[in-house]
Amino acid sequence: MTQVAARTTGGAILLDGVQLRDETVAKIKTTIDKAGKPAICLATVLVGDDAPSHIYVKSKHQKPKKPAWFQEASICRQLDASTS
């Protein structure tokens, strides 16, 4: 983060999630721009049939707010639990 983080009386660091997100996205965008703006998409691999994992991955593929540099294409492959 660009500014000094505030602390609670117990010493915990208070983070500004919005600022941290904005800085992280800006850094990623700069890296992508320097790389010649290659196509970027989300790819996931699910191994097995764990219901919470399916819910988590599905939510990642449905996330409505994506940066402008993110391609709409996404890839999700499911593999059998015996896959090694």
Protein backbone atom coordinates (compact mmCIF):
# COMPACT_ATOMS: atom_id res chain seq x y z
CA MET A 1 0.00 0.00 0.00
CA THR A 2 1.17 3.50 -0.69
CA GLN A 3 0.36 4.93 2.70
CA VAL A 4 1.23 3.86 6.24
CA ALA A 5 -1.37 1.41 7.52
CA ALA A 6 -3.33 2.38 10.63
CA ARG A 7 -3.22 0.13 13.68
CA THR A 8 -5.76 -0.76 16.33
CA THR A 9 -4.97 -0.31 20.01
CA GLY A 10 -4.16 -4.04 20.08
CA GLY A 11 -1.60 -3.58 17.29
CA ALA A 12 -3.56 -5.15 14.43
CA ILE A 13 -3.00 -3.53 11.04
CA LEU A 14 -6.10 -2.03 9.43
CA LEU A 15 -6.12 -2.51 5.68
CA ASP A 16 -8.19 -0.55 3.19
CA GLY A 17 -9.48 -3.35 0.97
CA VAL A 18 -10.69 -1.04 -1.80
CA GLN A 19 -7.36 0.77 -1.99
CA LEU A 20 -5.43 -2.49 -1.88
CA ARG A 21 -7.60 -3.91 -4.69
CA ASP A 22 -7.17 -0.79 -6.83
CA GLU A 23 -3.38 -0.85 -6.39
CA THR A 24 -3.20 -4.56 -7.19
CA VAL A 25 -5.33 -4.20 -10.33
CA ALA A 26 -3.18 -1.23 -11.45
CA LYS A 27 0.00 -3.30 -11.03
CA ILE A 28 -1.48 -6.22 -12.96
CA LYS A 29 -2.66 -3.91 -15.76
CA THR A 30 0.84 -2.40 -16.04
CA THR A 31 2.38 -5.88 -16.27
CA ILE A 32 -0.13 -6.89 -18.97
CA ASP A 33 0.47 -3.68 -20.94
CA LYS A 34 4.25 -4.25 -20.82
CA ALA A 35 3.70 -7.82 -22.10
CA GLY A 36 1.94 -6.54 -25.21
CA LYS A 37 -1.62 -7.00 -23.94
CA PRO A 38 -1.96 -10.78 -24.39
CA ALA A 39 -5.44 -12.31 -24.00
CA ILE A 40 -6.17 -12.98 -20.33
CA CYS A 41 -8.88 -15.34 -19.08
CA LEU A 42 -9.73 -17.49 -16.08
CA ALA A 43 -8.84 -21.18 -16.22
CA THR A 44 -9.71 -23.65 -13.46
CA VAL A 45 -9.26 -27.37 -12.94
CA LEU A 46 -11.52 -29.23 -10.53
CA VAL A 47 -10.31 -32.61 -9.35
CA GLY A 48 -12.96 -34.75 -7.71
CA ASP A 49 -16.52 -34.00 -6.73
CA ASP A 50 -16.24 -31.78 -3.66
CA ALA A 51 -19.46 -29.71 -3.58
CA PRO A 52 -17.94 -26.61 -1.89
CA SER A 53 -15.17 -26.56 -4.49
CA HIS A 54 -17.75 -26.61 -7.29
CA ILE A 55 -19.59 -23.68 -5.68
CA TYR A 56 -16.37 -21.69 -5.24
CA VAL A 57 -15.18 -22.24 -8.83
CA LYS A 58 -18.64 -21.49 -10.24
CA SER A 59 -18.70 -18.19 -8.34
CA LYS A 60 -15.30 -17.24 -9.79
CA HIS A 61 -16.53 -17.86 -13.33
CA GLN A 62 -19.72 -15.84 -12.70
CA LYS A 63 -18.06 -12.86 -11.01
CA PRO A 64 -19.78 -9.84 -12.59
CA LYS A 65 -17.04 -7.24 -12.06
CA LYS A 66 -14.01 -8.03 -14.19
CA PRO A 67 -11.29 -5.58 -15.19
CA ALA A 68 -11.48 -4.18 -18.73
CA TRP A 69 -8.35 -6.14 -19.73
CA PHE A 70 -9.97 -9.47 -18.78
CA GLN A 71 -11.28 -11.52 -21.70
CA GLU A 72 -14.80 -12.92 -21.35
CA ALA A 73 -13.66 -16.44 -22.23
CA SER A 74 -13.16 -18.77 -19.32
CA ILE A 75 -12.16 -22.41 -19.13
CA CYS A 76 -13.22 -24.95 -16.52
CA ARG A 77 -12.19 -28.59 -16.66
CA GLN A 78 -13.35 -31.25 -14.24
CA LEU A 79 -11.22 -34.31 -13.64
CA ASP A 80 -12.09 -37.53 -11.85
CA ALA A 81 -10.90 -37.82 -8.24
CA SER A 82 -8.58 -40.66 -9.22
CA THR A 83 -6.60 -38.31 -11.49
CA SER A 84 -2.97 -38.00 -10.51
